[in-house]
C-alpha cells in the first residue's frame, strides 16, 4: 500500500483538510530489468472505511525512452 497526505475536500463533510490518499500496487512483472506493478488502484481516504478507489489501471506495456527521445 502507498499512502501520502493530501489536502482535499473529498470527504463526507466536504471540508478541506489533510487526509490519506494512496492505493495498492500489485501483479508485479519484469520490464527491461525493473520489477514494476501492472495493477494499480488509488483513491481518497485509503486505510479508512471510506476509501474510494477512483483510479484503476491494468498496465499492459511499458516503454523506456532512449536518450534523445522526445
PDB file of N, CA and C in Angstrom:
ATOM      1  N   UNK A   1       0.852  -1.175   0.000  1.00  0.00           N
ATOM      2  CA  UNK A   1       0.000   0.000   0.000  1.00  0.00           C
ATOM      3  C   UNK A   1       0.896   1.235   0.000  1.00  0.00           C
ATOM      4  N   UNK A   2       0.503   2.237  -0.747  1.00  0.00           N
ATOM      5  CA  UNK A   2       1.199   3.515  -0.822  1.00  0.00           C
ATOM      6  C   UNK A   2       0.263   4.576  -0.260  1.00  0.00           C
ATOM      7  N   UNK A   3       0.759   5.410   0.678  1.00  0.00           N
ATOM      8  CA  UNK A   3      -0.083   6.432   1.309  1.00  0.00           C
ATOM      9  C   UNK A   3       0.680   7.750   1.403  1.00  0.00           C
ATOM     10  N   UNK A   4       0.028   8.841   1.038  1.00  0.00           N
ATOM     11  CA  UNK A   4       0.536  10.187   1.267  1.00  0.00           C
ATOM     12  C   UNK A   4      -0.599  11.006   1.872  1.00  0.00           C
ATOM     13  N   UNK A   5      -0.253  12.110   2.492  1.00  0.00           N
ATOM     14  CA  UNK A   5      -1.277  13.025   2.977  1.00  0.00           C
ATOM     15  C   UNK A   5      -1.574  14.036   1.864  1.00  0.00           C
ATOM     16  N   UNK A   6      -2.834  14.294   1.625  1.00  0.00           N
ATOM     17  CA  UNK A   6      -3.266  15.179   0.541  1.00  0.00           C
ATOM     18  C   UNK A   6      -4.267  16.186   1.092  1.00  0.00           C
ATOM     19  N   UNK A   7      -4.130  17.441   0.661  1.00  0.00           N
ATOM     20  CA  UNK A   7      -5.059  18.495   1.025  1.00  0.00           C
ATOM     21  C   UNK A   7      -6.257  18.367   0.099  1.00  0.00           C
ATOM     22  N   UNK A   8      -7.418  18.044   0.650  1.00  0.00           N
ATOM     23  CA  UNK A   8      -8.578  17.765  -0.195  1.00  0.00           C
ATOM     24  C   UNK A   8      -9.868  17.934   0.593  1.00  0.00           C
ATOM     25  N   UNK A   9     -10.947  18.175  -0.149  1.00  0.00           N
ATOM     26  CA  UNK A   9     -12.273  18.198   0.478  1.00  0.00           C
ATOM     27  C   UNK A   9     -13.103  16.993   0.024  1.00  0.00           C
ATOM     28  N   UNK A  10     -12.411  15.963  -0.479  1.00  0.00           N
ATOM     29  CA  UNK A  10     -13.103  14.741  -0.904  1.00  0.00           C
ATOM     30  C   UNK A  10     -13.386  13.877   0.333  1.00  0.00           C
ATOM     31  N   UNK A  11     -14.349  14.330   1.119  1.00  0.00           N
ATOM     32  CA  UNK A  11     -14.753  13.617   2.327  1.00  0.00           C
ATOM     33  C   UNK A  11     -16.233  13.913   2.563  1.00  0.00           C
ATOM     34  N   UNK A  12     -16.856  13.193   3.454  1.00  0.00           N
ATOM     35  CA  UNK A  12     -18.311  13.328   3.658  1.00  0.00           C
ATOM     36  C   UNK A  12     -18.719  14.716   4.158  1.00  0.00           C
ATOM     37  N   UNK A  13     -17.801  15.419   4.841  1.00  0.00           N
ATOM     38  CA  UNK A  13     -18.119  16.769   5.328  1.00  0.00           C
ATOM     39  C   UNK A  13     -17.813  17.856   4.286  1.00  0.00           C
ATOM     40  N   UNK A  14     -17.124  17.473   3.208  1.00  0.00           N
ATOM     41  CA  UNK A  14     -16.683  18.397   2.158  1.00  0.00           C
ATOM     42  C   UNK A  14     -15.899  19.571   2.750  1.00  0.00           C
ATOM     43  N   UNK A  15     -15.028  19.250   3.718  1.00  0.00           N
ATOM     44  CA  UNK A  15     -14.175  20.222   4.385  1.00  0.00           C
ATOM     45  C   UNK A  15     -12.739  19.969   3.948  1.00  0.00           C
ATOM     46  N   UNK A  16     -12.023  21.039   3.548  1.00  0.00           N
ATOM     47  CA  UNK A  16     -10.621  20.885   3.190  1.00  0.00           C
ATOM     48  C   UNK A  16      -9.796  20.539   4.416  1.00  0.00           C
ATOM     49  N   UNK A  17      -8.968  19.492   4.275  1.00  0.00           N
ATOM     50  CA  UNK A  17      -8.079  19.055   5.346  1.00  0.00           C
ATOM     51  C   UNK A  17      -7.072  18.074   4.753  1.00  0.00           C
ATOM     52  N   UNK A  18      -6.013  17.816   5.499  1.00  0.00           N
ATOM     53  CA  UNK A  18      -5.097  16.752   5.094  1.00  0.00           C
ATOM     54  C   UNK A  18      -5.761  15.423   5.388  1.00  0.00           C
ATOM     55  N   UNK A  19      -5.699  14.533   4.418  1.00  0.00           N
ATOM     56  CA  UNK A  19      -6.291  13.214   4.606  1.00  0.00           C
ATOM     57  C   UNK A  19      -5.515  12.200   3.780  1.00  0.00           C
ATOM     58  N   UNK A  20      -5.607  10.919   4.123  1.00  0.00           N
ATOM     59  CA  UNK A  20      -4.825   9.910   3.415  1.00  0.00           C
ATOM     60  C   UNK A  20      -5.303   9.702   1.979  1.00  0.00           C
ATOM     61  N   UNK A  21      -4.333   9.646   1.083  1.00  0.00           N
ATOM     62  CA  UNK A  21      -4.577   9.383  -0.327  1.00  0.00           C
ATOM     63  C   UNK A  21      -3.549   8.342  -0.752  1.00  0.00           C
ATOM     64  N   UNK A  22      -3.962   7.368  -1.512  1.00  0.00           N
ATOM     65  CA  UNK A  22      -2.995   6.360  -1.949  1.00  0.00           C
ATOM     66  C   UNK A  22      -3.665   5.197  -2.624  1.00  0.00           C
ATOM     67  N   UNK A  23      -2.951   4.087  -2.663  1.00  0.00           N
ATOM     68  CA  UNK A  23      -3.504   2.950  -3.368  1.00  0.00           C
ATOM     69  C   UNK A  23      -2.718   1.679  -3.156  1.00  0.00           C
ATOM     70  N   UNK A  24      -3.066   0.722  -3.977  1.00  0.00           N
ATOM     71  CA  UNK A  24      -2.453  -0.601  -3.924  1.00  0.00           C
ATOM     72  C   UNK A  24      -1.762  -0.871  -5.250  1.00  0.00           C
ATOM     73  N   UNK A  25      -0.564  -1.423  -5.180  1.00  0.00           N
ATOM     74  CA  UNK A  25       0.208  -1.827  -6.348  1.00  0.00           C
ATOM     75  C   UNK A  25       0.347  -3.339  -6.285  1.00  0.00           C
ATOM     76  N   UNK A  26       0.061  -4.027  -7.398  1.00  0.00           N
ATOM     77  CA  UNK A  26       0.123  -5.491  -7.370  1.00  0.00           C
ATOM     78  C   UNK A  26       0.451  -6.053  -8.743  1.00  0.00           C
ATOM     79  N   UNK A  27       0.516  -7.361  -8.810  1.00  0.00           N
ATOM     80  CA  UNK A  27       0.816  -8.113 -10.036  1.00  0.00           C
ATOM     81  C   UNK A  27       2.097  -7.593 -10.692  1.00  0.00           C
ATOM     82  N   UNK A  28       3.182  -7.643  -9.930  1.00  0.00           N
ATOM     83  CA  UNK A  28       4.472  -7.154 -10.403  1.00  0.00           C
ATOM     84  C   UNK A  28       5.038  -8.062 -11.487  1.00  0.00           C
ATOM     85  N   UNK A  29       5.598  -7.446 -12.543  1.00  0.00           N
ATOM     86  CA  UNK A  29       6.251  -8.159 -13.638  1.00  0.00           C
ATOM     87  C   UNK A  29       7.529  -7.419 -13.992  1.00  0.00           C
ATOM     88  N   UNK A  30       8.412  -8.117 -14.698  1.00  0.00           N
ATOM     89  CA  UNK A  30       9.689  -7.516 -15.060  1.00  0.00           C
ATOM     90  C   UNK A  30       9.617  -6.873 -16.439  1.00  0.00           C
ATOM     91  N   UNK A  31      10.106  -5.635 -16.510  1.00  0.00           N
ATOM     92  CA  UNK A  31      10.179  -4.876 -17.756  1.00  0.00           C
ATOM     93  C   UNK A  31      11.571  -4.265 -17.833  1.00  0.00           C
ATOM     94  N   UNK A  32      12.357  -4.651 -18.809  1.00  0.00           N
ATOM     95  CA  UNK A  32      13.673  -4.053 -19.004  1.00  0.00           C
ATOM     96  C   UNK A  32      14.566  -4.130 -17.778  1.00  0.00           C
ATOM     97  N   UNK A  33      14.452  -5.199 -17.004  1.00  0.00           N
ATOM     98  CA  UNK A  33      15.280  -5.360 -15.826  1.00  0.00           C
ATOM     99  C   UNK A  33      14.711  -4.729 -14.561  1.00  0.00           C
ATOM    100  N   UNK A  34      13.527  -4.112 -14.654  1.00  0.00           N
ATOM    101  CA  UNK A  34      12.870  -3.498 -13.499  1.00  0.00           C
ATOM    102  C   UNK A  34      11.602  -4.275 -13.172  1.00  0.00           C
ATOM    103  N   UNK A  35      11.351  -4.487 -11.900  1.00  0.00           N
ATOM    104  CA  UNK A  35      10.118  -5.166 -11.461  1.00  0.00           C
ATOM    105  C   UNK A  35       9.105  -4.092 -11.097  1.00  0.00           C
ATOM    106  N   UNK A  36       8.019  -4.019 -11.863  1.00  0.00           N
ATOM    107  CA  UNK A  36       7.039  -2.947 -11.736  1.00  0.00           C
ATOM    108  C   UNK A  36       5.622  -3.503 -11.600  1.00  0.00           C
ATOM    109  N   UNK A  37       4.729  -2.760 -10.938  1.00  0.00           N
ATOM    110  CA  UNK A  37       3.348  -3.228 -10.793  1.00  0.00           C
ATOM    111  C   UNK A  37       2.589  -3.100 -12.110  1.00  0.00           C
ATOM    112  N   UNK A  38       1.744  -4.081 -12.394  1.00  0.00           N
ATOM    113  CA  UNK A  38       0.902  -3.990 -13.586  1.00  0.00           C
ATOM    114  C   UNK A  38      -0.564  -3.766 -13.229  1.00  0.00           C
ATOM    115  N   UNK A  39      -0.880  -3.783 -11.950  1.00  0.00           N
ATOM    116  CA  UNK A  39      -2.228  -3.431 -11.495  1.00  0.00           C
ATOM    117  C   UNK A  39      -2.074  -2.305 -10.475  1.00  0.00           C
ATOM    118  N   UNK A  40      -2.744  -1.197 -10.749  1.00  0.00           N
ATOM    119  CA  UNK A  40      -2.647  -0.011  -9.898  1.00  0.00           C
ATOM    120  C   UNK A  40      -4.053   0.456  -9.563  1.00  0.00           C
ATOM    121  N   UNK A  41      -4.285   0.729  -8.279  1.00  0.00           N
ATOM    122  CA  UNK A  41      -5.584   1.219  -7.810  1.00  0.00           C
ATOM    123  C   UNK A  41      -5.316   2.326  -6.801  1.00  0.00           C
ATOM    124  N   UNK A  42      -6.042   3.441  -6.913  1.00  0.00           N
ATOM    125  CA  UNK A  42      -5.802   4.521  -5.966  1.00  0.00           C
ATOM    126  C   UNK A  42      -7.027   5.382  -5.733  1.00  0.00           C
ATOM    127  N   UNK A  43      -7.009   6.066  -4.574  1.00  0.00           N
ATOM    128  CA  UNK A  43      -8.126   6.942  -4.272  1.00  0.00           C
ATOM    129  C   UNK A  43      -7.975   7.641  -2.939  1.00  0.00           C
ATOM    130  N   UNK A  44      -9.009   8.337  -2.577  1.00  0.00           N
ATOM    131  CA  UNK A  44      -9.053   9.113  -1.341  1.00  0.00           C
ATOM    132  C   UNK A  44      -9.371   8.247  -0.134  1.00  0.00           C
ATOM    133  N   UNK A  45      -8.860   8.675   1.010  1.00  0.00           N
ATOM    134  CA  UNK A  45      -9.163   8.089   2.323  1.00  0.00           C
ATOM    135  C   UNK A  45      -8.734   6.635   2.447  1.00  0.00           C
ATOM    136  N   UNK A  46      -7.606   6.294   1.804  1.00  0.00           N
ATOM    137  CA  UNK A  46      -7.104   4.920   1.906  1.00  0.00           C
ATOM    138  C   UNK A  46      -6.799   4.583   3.364  1.00  0.00           C
ATOM    139  N   UNK A  47      -7.056   3.358   3.729  1.00  0.00           N
ATOM    140  CA  UNK A  47      -6.839   2.908   5.098  1.00  0.00           C
ATOM    141  C   UNK A  47      -7.992   3.223   6.030  1.00  0.00           C
ATOM    142  N   UNK A  48      -9.088   3.742   5.478  1.00  0.00           N
ATOM    143  CA  UNK A  48     -10.272   4.038   6.280  1.00  0.00           C
ATOM    144  C   UNK A  48     -11.469   3.310   5.676  1.00  0.00           C
ATOM    145  N   UNK A  49     -12.576   3.210   6.405  1.00  0.00           N
ATOM    146  CA  UNK A  49     -13.780   2.588   5.840  1.00  0.00           C
ATOM    147  C   UNK A  49     -14.352   3.386   4.661  1.00  0.00           C
ATOM    148  N   UNK A  50     -13.946   4.647   4.510  1.00  0.00           N
ATOM    149  CA  UNK A  50     -14.467   5.494   3.431  1.00  0.00           C
ATOM    150  C   UNK A  50     -13.566   5.519   2.204  1.00  0.00           C
ATOM    151  N   UNK A  51     -12.597   4.611   2.123  1.00  0.00           N
ATOM    152  CA  UNK A  51     -11.702   4.546   0.959  1.00  0.00           C
ATOM    153  C   UNK A  51     -12.522   4.402  -0.313  1.00  0.00           C
ATOM    154  N   UNK A  52     -12.211   5.267  -1.290  1.00  0.00           N
ATOM    155  CA  UNK A  52     -12.904   5.212  -2.575  1.00  0.00           C
ATOM    156  C   UNK A  52     -11.873   5.184  -3.692  1.00  0.00           C
ATOM    157  N   UNK A  53     -11.597   3.999  -4.274  1.00  0.00           N
ATOM    158  CA  UNK A  53     -10.621   3.910  -5.361  1.00  0.00           C
ATOM    159  C   UNK A  53     -11.230   4.395  -6.676  1.00  0.00           C
ATOM    160  N   UNK A  54     -10.904   5.625  -7.069  1.00  0.00           N
ATOM    161  CA  UNK A  54     -11.472   6.168  -8.309  1.00  0.00           C
ATOM    162  C   UNK A  54     -10.540   5.970  -9.504  1.00  0.00           C
ATOM    163  N   UNK A  55      -9.315   5.501  -9.259  1.00  0.00           N
ATOM    164  CA  UNK A  55      -8.385   5.240 -10.348  1.00  0.00           C
ATOM    165  C   UNK A  55      -8.004   3.768 -10.318  1.00  0.00           C
ATOM    166  N   UNK A  56      -8.222   3.079 -11.440  1.00  0.00           N
ATOM    167  CA  UNK A  56      -7.832   1.676 -11.566  1.00  0.00           C
ATOM    168  C   UNK A  56      -7.216   1.483 -12.940  1.00  0.00           C
ATOM    169  N   UNK A  57      -6.057   0.813 -12.981  1.00  0.00           N
ATOM    170  CA  UNK A  57      -5.381   0.599 -14.264  1.00  0.00           C
ATOM    171  C   UNK A  57      -4.738  -0.777 -14.293  1.00  0.00           C
ATOM    172  N   UNK A  58      -4.803  -1.399 -15.452  1.00  0.00           N
ATOM    173  CA  UNK A  58      -4.063  -2.620 -15.735  1.00  0.00           C
ATOM    174  C   UNK A  58      -3.022  -2.257 -16.782  1.00  0.00           C
ATOM    175  N   UNK A  59      -1.766  -2.330 -16.424  1.00  0.00           N
ATOM    176  CA  UNK A  59      -0.663  -1.955 -17.313  1.00  0.00           C
ATOM    177  C   UNK A  59      -0.358  -3.137 -18.214  1.00  0.00           C
ATOM    178  N   UNK A  60      -0.368  -2.906 -19.527  1.00  0.00           N
ATOM    179  CA  UNK A  60      -0.103  -3.992 -20.477  1.00  0.00           C
ATOM    180  C   UNK A  60       1.262  -3.853 -21.145  1.00  0.00           C
ATOM    181  N   UNK A  61       1.846  -2.652 -21.116  1.00  0.00           N
ATOM    182  CA  UNK A  61       3.163  -2.447 -21.723  1.00  0.00           C
ATOM    183  C   UNK A  61       3.822  -1.237 -21.070  1.00  0.00           C
ATOM    184  N   UNK A  62       5.134  -1.279 -21.025  1.00  0.00           N
ATOM    185  CA  UNK A  62       5.916  -0.149 -20.532  1.00  0.00           C
ATOM    186  C   UNK A  62       7.052   0.083 -21.524  1.00  0.00           C
ATOM    187  N   UNK A  63       7.234   1.325 -21.918  1.00  0.00           N
ATOM    188  CA  UNK A  63       8.306   1.678 -22.848  1.00  0.00           C
ATOM    189  C   UNK A  63       9.247   2.637 -22.146  1.00  0.00           C
ATOM    190  N   UNK A  64      10.525   2.321 -22.157  1.00  0.00           N
ATOM    191  CA  UNK A  64      11.528   3.206 -21.599  1.00  0.00           C
ATOM    192  C   UNK A  64      12.123   4.024 -22.734  1.00  0.00           C
ATOM    193  N   UNK A  65      11.979   5.355 -22.701  1.00  0.00           N
ATOM    194  CA  UNK A  65      12.534   6.173 -23.788  1.00  0.00           C
ATOM    195  C   UNK A  65      14.051   6.103 -23.801  1.00  0.00           C
ATOM    196  N   UNK A  66      14.603   6.154 -24.987  1.00  0.00           N
ATOM    197  CA  UNK A  66      16.048   6.185 -25.156  1.00  0.00           C
ATOM    198  C   UNK A  66      16.519   7.631 -25.058  1.00  0.00           C
ATOM    199  N   UNK A  67      17.751   7.809 -24.722  1.00  0.00           N
ATOM    200  CA  UNK A  67      18.324   9.160 -24.619  1.00  0.00           C
ATOM    201  C   UNK A  67      18.097   9.886 -25.947  1.00  0.00           C
ATOM    202  N   UNK A  68      17.525  11.073 -25.874  1.00  0.00           N
ATOM    203  CA  UNK A  68      17.235  11.862 -27.075  1.00  0.00           C
ATOM    204  C   UNK A  68      15.824  11.709 -27.595  1.00  0.00           C
ATOM    205  N   UNK A  69      15.044  10.749 -27.063  1.00  0.00           N
ATOM    206  CA  UNK A  69      13.632  10.600 -27.466  1.00  0.00           C
ATOM    207  C   UNK A  69      12.849  11.802 -26.976  1.00  0.00           C
ATOM    208  N   UNK A  70      11.857  12.235 -27.754  1.00  0.00           N
ATOM    209  CA  UNK A  70      11.016  13.357 -27.266  1.00  0.00           C
ATOM    210  C   UNK A  70      10.131  12.944 -26.113  1.00  0.00           C
TER     211      UNK A  70
END
